[in-house]
Amino acid sequence: MIDFAHAIDQIEGMIDRFVTSLTNIALAILIFVVFYFLARPVKISISRIVVRTGRQANLGIVLGRLAQWTLWLLGLLLGVVIVFPDISPAQLFELLGLGSVALGFAFRDILQNFFAGLLLLTAEPFKIGDQIIVDGFEGTVENIETRATTMRTYDGRRVVIPNTQMFTSPVTVNTAFERRRVEYAVGIGYGEDIDEAKKVILEVIGRVDGVLQDAPPQVIVVGLGDFTVILRVRWWIEPSLRTEMIDSRDKVLGIIKQELESRGIDMPFPTQQVLLYDQTKRES
């Protein structure tokens, strides 16, 4: 005969387990939702704190996102433990560790660029708006993201450079300091008075707008060329932007040429003598 009492006990047990499972699932969902919505204000708070410390806004955004993802993951793990009580936190972390290793191999380049981006944002060797030179590219830094750094070249092109390359390659930051030295080679004739030419050049540079006078300009002899004595003219400008450098060099070189010519100081240029040989005339 059928044992109805035992069957009823089994059905009641199944119902109790089902209700318990539903309760655990509902509690897990609730916990994940709490962590999900809690992550956003934490993200915003971290971003604001980082910006207040004087760091770049991008660093605050990245750290805020990391905190947000961490809270999401923590909420998910707690939910899994509640729904599957037989799984211990140690087993979850072990599984998570194995998954992290697998993901690390699969996304090695992406992770390398990510951590390089974090180091760039933290160390701040350059900032957004700086003018830099890296691997033959020169321009203004537009953005520093977790994967790559974008740069706008002076001819209006955008260059995207992986952060690993930015971190391992030599980078010249032209705008790291407020002041920048500009220099150019000027040639005078061998028959000219070098001291007089230096004096004239220094006089005219002092009249050019934008040339700093508290950092005195210099004119030094740096070489003896085939046609000229080479003088290296150096002066300082502020700010150190490329546009300021080009504008200052244009003014300085223009006035130097005019003044040297008006003083009668020769600025020779290479000349060649071409001899034409008439092959129709031959000695008998």
C-alpha atoms as a PDB file:
ATOM      1  CA  MET A   1       0.000   0.000   0.000  1.00  0.00           C
ATOM      2  CA  ILE A   2       1.011   3.588  -0.595  1.00  0.00           C
ATOM      3  CA  ASP A   3       2.349   5.371   2.442  1.00  0.00           C
ATOM      4  CA  PHE A   4       0.438   8.627   2.106  1.00  0.00           C
ATOM      5  CA  ALA A   5       1.998  10.116   5.228  1.00  0.00           C
ATOM      6  CA  HIS A   6       5.530   9.656   3.869  1.00  0.00           C
ATOM      7  CA  ALA A   7       4.548  11.111   0.487  1.00  0.00           C
ATOM      8  CA  ILE A   8       2.974  14.127   2.152  1.00  0.00           C
ATOM      9  CA  ASP A   9       6.129  14.646   4.200  1.00  0.00           C
ATOM     10  CA  GLN A  10       8.214  14.567   1.013  1.00  0.00           C
ATOM     11  CA  ILE A  11       5.920  17.049  -0.717  1.00  0.00           C
ATOM     12  CA  GLU A  12       6.023  19.355   2.285  1.00  0.00           C
ATOM     13  CA  GLY A  13       9.812  19.111   2.334  1.00  0.00           C
ATOM     14  CA  MET A  14       9.988  20.000  -1.357  1.00  0.00           C
ATOM     15  CA  ILE A  15       7.690  22.958  -0.796  1.00  0.00           C
ATOM     16  CA  ASP A  16       9.774  24.119   2.160  1.00  0.00           C
ATOM     17  CA  ARG A  17      12.986  23.870   0.114  1.00  0.00           C
ATOM     18  CA  PHE A  18      11.332  25.700  -2.778  1.00  0.00           C
ATOM     19  CA  VAL A  19      10.138  28.485  -0.497  1.00  0.00           C
ATOM     20  CA  THR A  20      13.567  28.678   1.114  1.00  0.00           C
ATOM     21  CA  SER A  21      15.201  28.862  -2.315  1.00  0.00           C
ATOM     22  CA  LEU A  22      12.824  31.604  -3.405  1.00  0.00           C
ATOM     23  CA  THR A  23      13.556  33.494  -0.202  1.00  0.00           C
ATOM     24  CA  ASN A  24      17.315  33.130  -0.742  1.00  0.00           C
ATOM     25  CA  ILE A  25      17.027  34.206  -4.383  1.00  0.00           C
ATOM     26  CA  ALA A  26      14.947  37.235  -3.403  1.00  0.00           C
ATOM     27  CA  LEU A  27      17.460  38.119  -0.664  1.00  0.00           C
ATOM     28  CA  ALA A  28      20.372  37.673  -3.078  1.00  0.00           C
ATOM     29  CA  ILE A  29      18.699  39.917  -5.657  1.00  0.00           C
ATOM     30  CA  LEU A  30      17.985  42.504  -2.967  1.00  0.00           C
ATOM     31  CA  ILE A  31      21.610  42.492  -1.792  1.00  0.00           C
ATOM     32  CA  PHE A  32      22.907  42.813  -5.359  1.00  0.00           C
ATOM     33  CA  VAL A  33      20.502  45.690  -6.067  1.00  0.00           C
ATOM     34  CA  VAL A  34      21.670  47.459  -2.891  1.00  0.00           C
ATOM     35  CA  PHE A  35      25.324  47.078  -3.912  1.00  0.00           C
ATOM     36  CA  TYR A  36      24.463  48.091  -7.486  1.00  0.00           C
ATOM     37  CA  PHE A  37      22.883  51.399  -6.481  1.00  0.00           C
ATOM     38  CA  LEU A  38      25.429  51.992  -3.710  1.00  0.00           C
ATOM     39  CA  ALA A  39      28.258  51.769  -6.241  1.00  0.00           C
ATOM     40  CA  ARG A  40      27.227  54.926  -8.099  1.00  0.00           C
ATOM     41  CA  PRO A  41      27.483  57.411  -5.175  1.00  0.00           C
ATOM     42  CA  VAL A  42      30.755  55.728  -4.138  1.00  0.00           C
ATOM     43  CA  LYS A  43      32.064  56.217  -7.663  1.00  0.00           C
ATOM     44  CA  ILE A  44      31.063  59.901  -7.699  1.00  0.00           C
ATOM     45  CA  SER A  45      32.528  60.492  -4.223  1.00  0.00           C
ATOM     46  CA  ILE A  46      35.887  58.952  -5.149  1.00  0.00           C
ATOM     47  CA  SER A  47      36.041  61.010  -8.355  1.00  0.00           C
ATOM     48  CA  ARG A  48      35.387  64.229  -6.443  1.00  0.00           C
ATOM     49  CA  ILE A  49      37.927  63.397  -3.737  1.00  0.00           C
ATOM     50  CA  VAL A  50      40.623  62.704  -6.330  1.00  0.00           C
ATOM     51  CA  VAL A  51      39.896  65.974  -8.160  1.00  0.00           C
ATOM     52  CA  ARG A  52      40.070  67.918  -4.886  1.00  0.00           C
ATOM     53  CA  THR A  53      43.566  66.573  -4.265  1.00  0.00           C
ATOM     54  CA  GLY A  54      44.706  68.271  -7.461  1.00  0.00           C
ATOM     55  CA  ARG A  55      44.922  65.134  -9.553  1.00  0.00           C
ATOM     56  CA  GLN A  56      43.633  64.804 -13.085  1.00  0.00           C
ATOM     57  CA  ALA A  57      39.902  64.272 -13.495  1.00  0.00           C
ATOM     58  CA  ASN A  58      40.566  61.132 -15.559  1.00  0.00           C
ATOM     59  CA  LEU A  59      42.274  59.492 -12.574  1.00  0.00           C
ATOM     60  CA  GLY A  60      39.178  60.100 -10.455  1.00  0.00           C
ATOM     61  CA  ILE A  61      36.978  58.619 -13.173  1.00  0.00           C
ATOM     62  CA  VAL A  62      39.136  55.486 -13.441  1.00  0.00           C
ATOM     63  CA  LEU A  63      39.377  54.922  -9.681  1.00  0.00           C
ATOM     64  CA  GLY A  64      35.648  55.561  -9.337  1.00  0.00           C
ATOM     65  CA  ARG A  65      34.899  52.954 -11.973  1.00  0.00           C
ATOM     66  CA  LEU A  66      37.200  50.456 -10.247  1.00  0.00           C
ATOM     67  CA  ALA A  67      35.358  50.993  -6.961  1.00  0.00           C
ATOM     68  CA  GLN A  68      32.029  50.614  -8.767  1.00  0.00           C
ATOM     69  CA  TRP A  69      33.042  47.339 -10.426  1.00  0.00           C
ATOM     70  CA  THR A  70      34.440  46.053  -7.128  1.00  0.00           C
ATOM     71  CA  LEU A  71      31.138  46.687  -5.319  1.00  0.00           C
ATOM     72  CA  TRP A  72      29.191  45.042  -8.131  1.00  0.00           C
ATOM     73  CA  LEU A  73      31.412  41.970  -7.943  1.00  0.00           C
ATOM     74  CA  LEU A  74      31.136  41.853  -4.153  1.00  0.00           C
ATOM     75  CA  GLY A  75      27.341  42.038  -4.352  1.00  0.00           C
ATOM     76  CA  LEU A  76      27.300  39.259  -6.930  1.00  0.00           C
ATOM     77  CA  LEU A  77      29.517  36.995  -4.816  1.00  0.00           C
ATOM     78  CA  LEU A  78      27.359  37.547  -1.727  1.00  0.00           C
ATOM     79  CA  GLY A  79      24.287  36.718  -3.777  1.00  0.00           C
ATOM     80  CA  VAL A  80      25.844  33.474  -5.019  1.00  0.00           C
ATOM     81  CA  VAL A  81      26.771  32.439  -1.464  1.00  0.00           C
ATOM     82  CA  ILE A  82      23.192  33.104  -0.274  1.00  0.00           C
ATOM     83  CA  VAL A  83      21.551  31.202  -3.142  1.00  0.00           C
ATOM     84  CA  PHE A  84      24.034  28.300  -2.919  1.00  0.00           C
ATOM     85  CA  PRO A  85      24.878  27.968   0.785  1.00  0.00           C
ATOM     86  CA  ASP A  86      26.925  24.825   0.141  1.00  0.00           C
ATOM     87  CA  ILE A  87      29.505  26.945  -1.680  1.00  0.00           C
ATOM     88  CA  SER A  88      31.959  28.516   0.754  1.00  0.00           C
ATOM     89  CA  PRO A  89      33.547  31.952   0.203  1.00  0.00           C
ATOM     90  CA  ALA A  90      36.945  30.238  -0.039  1.00  0.00           C
ATOM     91  CA  GLN A  91      35.731  28.175  -2.993  1.00  0.00           C
ATOM     92  CA  LEU A  92      34.362  31.298  -4.655  1.00  0.00           C
ATOM     93  CA  PHE A  93      37.637  33.154  -4.302  1.00  0.00           C
ATOM     94  CA  GLU A  94      39.538  30.125  -5.565  1.00  0.00           C
ATOM     95  CA  LEU A  95      37.289  29.974  -8.617  1.00  0.00           C
ATOM     96  CA  LEU A  96      37.645  33.723  -9.039  1.00  0.00           C
ATOM     97  CA  GLY A  97      41.421  33.416  -8.891  1.00  0.00           C
ATOM     98  CA  LEU A  98      41.484  30.751 -11.587  1.00  0.00           C
ATOM     99  CA  GLY A  99      39.188  32.878 -13.713  1.00  0.00           C
ATOM    100  CA  SER A 100      41.423  35.912 -13.199  1.00  0.00           C
ATOM    101  CA  VAL A 101      44.464  33.958 -14.407  1.00  0.00           C
ATOM    102  CA  ALA A 102      42.580  32.798 -17.491  1.00  0.00           C
ATOM    103  CA  LEU A 103      41.338  36.315 -18.211  1.00  0.00           C
ATOM    104  CA  GLY A 104      44.842  37.661 -17.637  1.00  0.00           C
ATOM    105  CA  PHE A 105      46.247  35.437 -20.381  1.00  0.00           C
ATOM    106  CA  ALA A 106      43.348  36.150 -22.705  1.00  0.00           C
ATOM    107  CA  PHE A 107      43.438  39.926 -22.279  1.00  0.00           C
ATOM    108  CA  ARG A 108      47.123  40.439 -21.500  1.00  0.00           C
ATOM    109  CA  ASP A 109      47.643  43.433 -23.801  1.00  0.00           C
ATOM    110  CA  ILE A 110      44.461  45.120 -22.594  1.00  0.00           C
ATOM    111  CA  LEU A 111      45.447  44.650 -18.949  1.00  0.00           C
ATOM    112  CA  GLN A 112      48.969  45.925 -19.616  1.00  0.00           C
ATOM    113  CA  ASN A 113      47.581  49.076 -21.193  1.00  0.00           C
ATOM    114  CA  PHE A 114      45.089  49.428 -18.323  1.00  0.00           C
ATOM    115  CA  PHE A 115      47.739  49.314 -15.599  1.00  0.00           C
ATOM    116  CA  ALA A 116      50.071  51.523 -17.647  1.00  0.00           C
ATOM    117  CA  GLY A 117      47.235  54.035 -17.907  1.00  0.00           C
ATOM    118  CA  LEU A 118      46.751  53.933 -14.129  1.00  0.00           C
ATOM    119  CA  LEU A 119      50.467  54.570 -13.609  1.00  0.00           C
ATOM    120  CA  LEU A 120      50.431  57.466 -16.071  1.00  0.00           C
ATOM    121  CA  LEU A 121      47.422  59.031 -14.374  1.00  0.00           C
ATOM    122  CA  THR A 122      48.961  58.531 -10.926  1.00  0.00           C
ATOM    123  CA  ALA A 123      52.556  59.608 -11.672  1.00  0.00           C
ATOM    124  CA  GLU A 124      51.453  62.435 -14.037  1.00  0.00           C
ATOM    125  CA  PRO A 125      54.602  62.735 -16.190  1.00  0.00           C
ATOM    126  CA  PHE A 126      52.371  64.863 -18.431  1.00  0.00           C
ATOM    127  CA  LYS A 127      48.818  66.184 -18.247  1.00  0.00           C
ATOM    128  CA  ILE A 128      45.945  66.822 -20.609  1.00  0.00           C
ATOM    129  CA  GLY A 129      46.820  69.952 -22.582  1.00  0.00           C
ATOM    130  CA  ASP A 130      50.591  69.390 -22.475  1.00  0.00           C
ATOM    131  CA  GLN A 131      52.508  69.406 -25.745  1.00  0.00           C
ATOM    132  CA  ILE A 132      54.680  66.305 -26.043  1.00  0.00           C
ATOM    133  CA  ILE A 133      56.872  64.333 -28.433  1.00  0.00           C
ATOM    134  CA  VAL A 134      56.780  60.520 -28.380  1.00  0.00           C
ATOM    135  CA  ASP A 135      57.968  58.015 -30.992  1.00  0.00           C
ATOM    136  CA  GLY A 136      58.153  60.669 -33.699  1.00  0.00           C
ATOM    137  CA  PHE A 137      54.681  62.067 -32.971  1.00  0.00           C
ATOM    138  CA  GLU A 138      54.331  65.621 -31.694  1.00  0.00           C
ATOM    139  CA  GLY A 139      51.188  67.362 -30.556  1.00  0.00           C
ATOM    140  CA  THR A 140      48.857  68.244 -27.696  1.00  0.00           C
ATOM    141  CA  VAL A 141      47.544  65.600 -25.276  1.00  0.00           C
ATOM    142  CA  GLU A 142      43.760  65.450 -25.605  1.00  0.00           C
ATOM    143  CA  ASN A 143      42.865  62.596 -23.283  1.00  0.00           C
ATOM    144  CA  ILE A 144      44.460  59.910 -21.109  1.00  0.00           C
ATOM    145  CA  GLU A 145      42.245  56.855 -20.950  1.00  0.00           C
ATOM    146  CA  THR A 146      42.790  53.442 -19.412  1.00  0.00           C
ATOM    147  CA  ARG A 147      43.681  51.888 -22.772  1.00  0.00           C
ATOM    148  CA  ALA A 148      45.398  54.623 -24.745  1.00  0.00           C
ATOM    149  CA  THR A 149      46.415  58.262 -24.840  1.00  0.00           C
ATOM    150  CA  THR A 150      45.043  60.450 -27.629  1.00  0.00           C
ATOM    151  CA  MET A 151      47.090  63.299 -29.032  1.00  0.00           C
ATOM    152  CA  ARG A 152      46.218  66.009 -31.549  1.00  0.00           C
ATOM    153  CA  THR A 153      49.077  66.807 -33.919  1.00  0.00           C
ATOM    154  CA  TYR A 154      49.809  70.352 -35.048  1.00  0.00           C
ATOM    155  CA  ASP A 155      48.498  69.606 -38.542  1.00  0.00           C
ATOM    156  CA  GLY A 156      45.077  68.592 -37.189  1.00  0.00           C
ATOM    157  CA  ARG A 157      45.360  64.811 -36.958  1.00  0.00           C
ATOM    158  CA  ARG A 158      44.543  62.569 -34.000  1.00  0.00           C
ATOM    159  CA  VAL A 159      47.056  59.962 -32.881  1.00  0.00           C
ATOM    160  CA  VAL A 160      46.013  57.140 -30.520  1.00  0.00           C
ATOM    161  CA  ILE A 161      49.009  55.647 -28.701  1.00  0.00           C
ATOM    162  CA  PRO A 162      48.687  52.577 -26.410  1.00  0.00           C
ATOM    163  CA  ASN A 163      49.506  53.400 -22.801  1.00  0.00           C
ATOM    164  CA  THR A 164      52.143  50.661 -22.631  1.00  0.00           C
ATOM    165  CA  GLN A 165      54.029  52.435 -25.397  1.00  0.00           C
ATOM    166  CA  MET A 166      53.582  55.798 -23.653  1.00  0.00           C
ATOM    167  CA  PHE A 167      54.923  54.347 -20.400  1.00  0.00           C
ATOM    168  CA  THR A 168      57.979  52.582 -21.868  1.00  0.00           C
ATOM    169  CA  SER A 169      59.030  55.090 -24.552  1.00  0.00           C
ATOM    170  CA  PRO A 170      60.939  58.345 -23.966  1.00  0.00           C
ATOM    171  CA  VAL A 171      58.485  61.259 -23.851  1.00  0.00           C
ATOM    172  CA  THR A 172      59.553  64.888 -24.295  1.00  0.00           C
ATOM    173  CA  VAL A 173      57.165  67.294 -22.555  1.00  0.00           C
ATOM    174  CA  ASN A 174      57.665  70.682 -24.195  1.00  0.00           C
ATOM    175  CA  THR A 175      55.267  72.450 -21.840  1.00  0.00           C
ATOM    176  CA  ALA A 176      56.479  70.896 -18.583  1.00  0.00           C
ATOM    177  CA  PHE A 177      57.799  74.321 -17.515  1.00  0.00           C
ATOM    178  CA  GLU A 178      56.467  77.813 -18.072  1.00  0.00           C
ATOM    179  CA  ARG A 179      59.612  78.985 -19.868  1.00  0.00           C
ATOM    180  CA  ARG A 180      61.244  77.573 -22.951  1.00  0.00           C
ATOM    181  CA  ARG A 181      64.495  78.358 -24.703  1.00  0.00           C
ATOM    182  CA  VAL A 182      64.483  78.994 -28.433  1.00  0.00           C
ATOM    183  CA  GLU A 183      67.646  78.872 -30.506  1.00  0.00           C
ATOM    184  CA  TYR A 184      68.712  79.287 -34.096  1.00  0.00           C
ATOM    185  CA  ALA A 185      71.969  79.313 -36.079  1.00  0.00           C
ATOM    186  CA  VAL A 186      72.929  82.556 -37.870  1.00  0.00           C
ATOM    187  CA  GLY A 187      75.909  82.740 -40.231  1.00  0.00           C
ATOM    188  CA  ILE A 188      78.147  85.780 -40.844  1.00  0.00           C
ATOM    189  CA  GLY A 189      81.033  86.242 -43.247  1.00  0.00           C
ATOM    190  CA  TYR A 190      84.581  85.339 -42.296  1.00  0.00           C
ATOM    191  CA  GLY A 191      85.660  88.927 -42.796  1.00  0.00           C
ATOM    192  CA  GLU A 192      83.145  90.332 -40.285  1.00  0.00           C
ATOM    193  CA  ASP A 193      83.830  91.344 -36.684  1.00  0.00           C
ATOM    194  CA  ILE A 194      82.344  88.589 -34.518  1.00  0.00           C
ATOM    195  CA  ASP A 195      82.066  90.756 -31.404  1.00  0.00           C
ATOM    196  CA  GLU A 196      80.274  93.483 -33.336  1.00  0.00           C
ATOM    197  CA  ALA A 197      77.830  90.969 -34.821  1.00  0.00           C
ATOM    198  CA  LYS A 198      77.117  89.566 -31.348  1.00  0.00           C
ATOM    199  CA  LYS A 199      76.492  93.059 -29.992  1.00  0.00           C
ATOM    200  CA  VAL A 200      74.081  93.936 -32.792  1.00  0.00           C
ATOM    201  CA  ILE A 201      72.132  90.684 -32.414  1.00  0.00           C
ATOM    202  CA  LEU A 202      71.783  91.089 -28.635  1.00  0.00           C
ATOM    203  CA  GLU A 203      70.608  94.679 -29.072  1.00  0.00           C
ATOM    204  CA  VAL A 204      67.837  93.803 -31.495  1.00  0.00           C
ATOM    205  CA  ILE A 205      66.664  90.742 -29.550  1.00  0.00           C
ATOM    206  CA  GLY A 206      66.086  92.955 -26.535  1.00  0.00           C
ATOM    207  CA  ARG A 207      63.557  94.976 -28.521  1.00  0.00           C
ATOM    208  CA  VAL A 208      61.405  91.994 -29.515  1.00  0.00           C
ATOM    209  CA  ASP A 209      58.156  91.555 -27.593  1.00  0.00           C
ATOM    210  CA  GLY A 210      57.934  88.289 -25.680  1.00  0.00           C
ATOM    211  CA  VAL A 211      61.678  87.758 -25.245  1.00  0.00           C
ATOM    212  CA  LEU A 212      62.438  87.482 -21.532  1.00  0.00           C
ATOM    213  CA  GLN A 213      65.052  89.897 -20.261  1.00  0.00           C
ATOM    214  CA  ASP A 214      65.555  88.358 -16.807  1.00  0.00           C
ATOM    215  CA  ALA A 215      67.008  85.336 -18.632  1.00  0.00           C
ATOM    216  CA  PRO A 216      69.524  87.162 -20.866  1.00  0.00           C
ATOM    217  CA  PRO A 217      69.751  86.089 -24.521  1.00  0.00           C
ATOM    218  CA  GLN A 218      73.018  84.569 -25.683  1.00  0.00           C
ATOM    219  CA  VAL A 219      75.035  84.567 -28.882  1.00  0.00           C
ATOM    220  CA  ILE A 220      77.929  82.110 -29.086  1.00  0.00           C
ATOM    221  CA  VAL A 221      80.165  80.787 -31.846  1.00  0.00           C
ATOM    222  CA  VAL A 222      79.401  77.109 -32.424  1.00  0.00           C
ATOM    223  CA  GLY A 223      81.176  76.342 -35.666  1.00  0.00           C
ATOM    224  CA  LEU A 224      83.130  77.399 -38.716  1.00  0.00           C
ATOM    225  CA  GLY A 225      81.295  76.449 -41.868  1.00  0.00           C
ATOM    226  CA  ASP A 226      82.396  76.390 -45.496  1.00  0.00           C
ATOM    227  CA  PHE A 227      81.072  79.892 -46.108  1.00  0.00           C
ATOM    228  CA  THR A 228      80.182  81.371 -42.720  1.00  0.00           C
ATOM    229  CA  VAL A 229      81.051  81.684 -39.066  1.00  0.00           C
ATOM    230  CA  ILE A 230      78.089  80.026 -37.330  1.00  0.00           C
ATOM    231  CA  LEU A 231      76.587  81.895 -34.380  1.00  0.00           C
ATOM    232  CA  ARG A 232      74.070  80.188 -32.125  1.00  0.00           C
ATOM    233  CA  VAL A 233      71.403  82.671 -30.977  1.00  0.00           C
ATOM    234  CA  ARG A 234      69.505  81.679 -27.819  1.00  0.00           C
ATOM    235  CA  TRP A 235      66.641  83.377 -26.008  1.00  0.00           C
ATOM    236  CA  TRP A 236      63.828  82.477 -23.590  1.00  0.00           C
ATOM    237  CA  ILE A 237      60.077  82.888 -23.983  1.00  0.00           C
ATOM    238  CA  GLU A 238      56.993  82.448 -21.805  1.00  0.00           C
ATOM    239  CA  PRO A 239      54.672  80.559 -22.070  1.00  0.00           C
ATOM    240  CA  SER A 240      56.338  77.513 -23.636  1.00  0.00           C
ATOM    241  CA  LEU A 241      53.631  76.737 -26.200  1.00  0.00           C
ATOM    242  CA  ARG A 242      54.615  75.888 -29.753  1.00  0.00           C
ATOM    243  CA  THR A 243      52.644  78.818 -31.179  1.00  0.00           C
ATOM    244  CA  GLU A 244      54.582  81.221 -28.943  1.00  0.00           C
ATOM    245  CA  MET A 245      57.887  79.652 -30.006  1.00  0.00           C
ATOM    246  CA  ILE A 246      57.122  79.913 -33.727  1.00  0.00           C
ATOM    247  CA  ASP A 247      55.878  83.490 -33.386  1.00  0.00           C
ATOM    248  CA  SER A 248      58.938  84.539 -31.374  1.00  0.00           C
ATOM    249  CA  ARG A 249      61.372  82.900 -33.787  1.00  0.00           C
ATOM    250  CA  ASP A 250      59.665  84.618 -36.717  1.00  0.00           C
ATOM    251  CA  LYS A 251      60.041  88.042 -35.080  1.00  0.00           C
ATOM    252  CA  VAL A 252      63.604  87.516 -33.851  1.00  0.00           C
ATOM    253  CA  LEU A 253      65.018  86.133 -37.090  1.00  0.00           C
ATOM    254  CA  GLY A 254      63.313  88.822 -39.164  1.00  0.00           C
ATOM    255  CA  ILE A 255      64.708  91.702 -37.124  1.00  0.00           C
ATOM    256  CA  ILE A 256      68.185  90.109 -36.936  1.00  0.00           C
ATOM    257  CA  LYS A 257      68.390  89.870 -40.717  1.00  0.00           C
ATOM    258  CA  GLN A 258      67.233  93.457 -41.203  1.00  0.00           C
ATOM    259  CA  GLU A 259      69.627  94.865 -38.602  1.00  0.00           C
ATOM    260  CA  LEU A 260      72.684  92.937 -39.802  1.00  0.00           C
ATOM    261  CA  GLU A 261      72.060  94.038 -43.384  1.00  0.00           C
ATOM    262  CA  SER A 262      71.541  97.662 -42.348  1.00  0.00           C
ATOM    263  CA  ARG A 263      74.845  97.585 -40.411  1.00  0.00           C
ATOM    264  CA  GLY A 264      76.651  96.166 -43.426  1.00  0.00           C
ATOM    265  CA  ILE A 265      77.402  92.836 -41.798  1.00  0.00           C
ATOM    266  CA  ASP A 266      77.545  90.185 -44.487  1.00  0.00           C
ATOM    267  CA  MET A 267      75.412  87.056 -44.213  1.00  0.00           C
ATOM    268  CA  PRO A 268      76.811  84.984 -47.089  1.00  0.00           C
ATOM    269  CA  PHE A 269      75.051  82.003 -48.571  1.00  0.00           C
ATOM    270  CA  PRO A 270      76.548  79.023 -50.432  1.00  0.00           C
ATOM    271  CA  THR A 271      77.552  79.816 -54.004  1.00  0.00           C
ATOM    272  CA  GLN A 272      78.706  77.602 -56.810  1.00  0.00           C
ATOM    273  CA  GLN A 273      80.683  78.384 -59.903  1.00  0.00           C
ATOM    274  CA  VAL A 274      79.598  76.435 -62.969  1.00  0.00           C
ATOM    275  CA  LEU A 275      82.096  76.106 -65.831  1.00  0.00           C
ATOM    276  CA  LEU A 276      80.694  75.079 -69.214  1.00  0.00           C
ATOM    277  CA  TYR A 277      82.977  73.101 -71.452  1.00  0.00           C
ATOM    278  CA  ASP A 278      82.348  73.225 -75.181  1.00  0.00           C
ATOM    279  CA  GLN A 279      83.082  69.714 -76.404  1.00  0.00           C
ATOM    280  CA  THR A 280      83.015  70.865 -80.036  1.00  0.00           C
ATOM    281  CA  LYS A 281      86.307  72.684 -79.550  1.00  0.00           C
ATOM    282  CA  ARG A 282      89.115  70.230 -79.368  1.00  0.00           C
ATOM    283  CA  GLU A 283      92.801  70.720 -79.605  1.00  0.00           C
ATOM    284  CA  SER A 284      94.271  69.499 -82.834  1.00  0.00           C
END
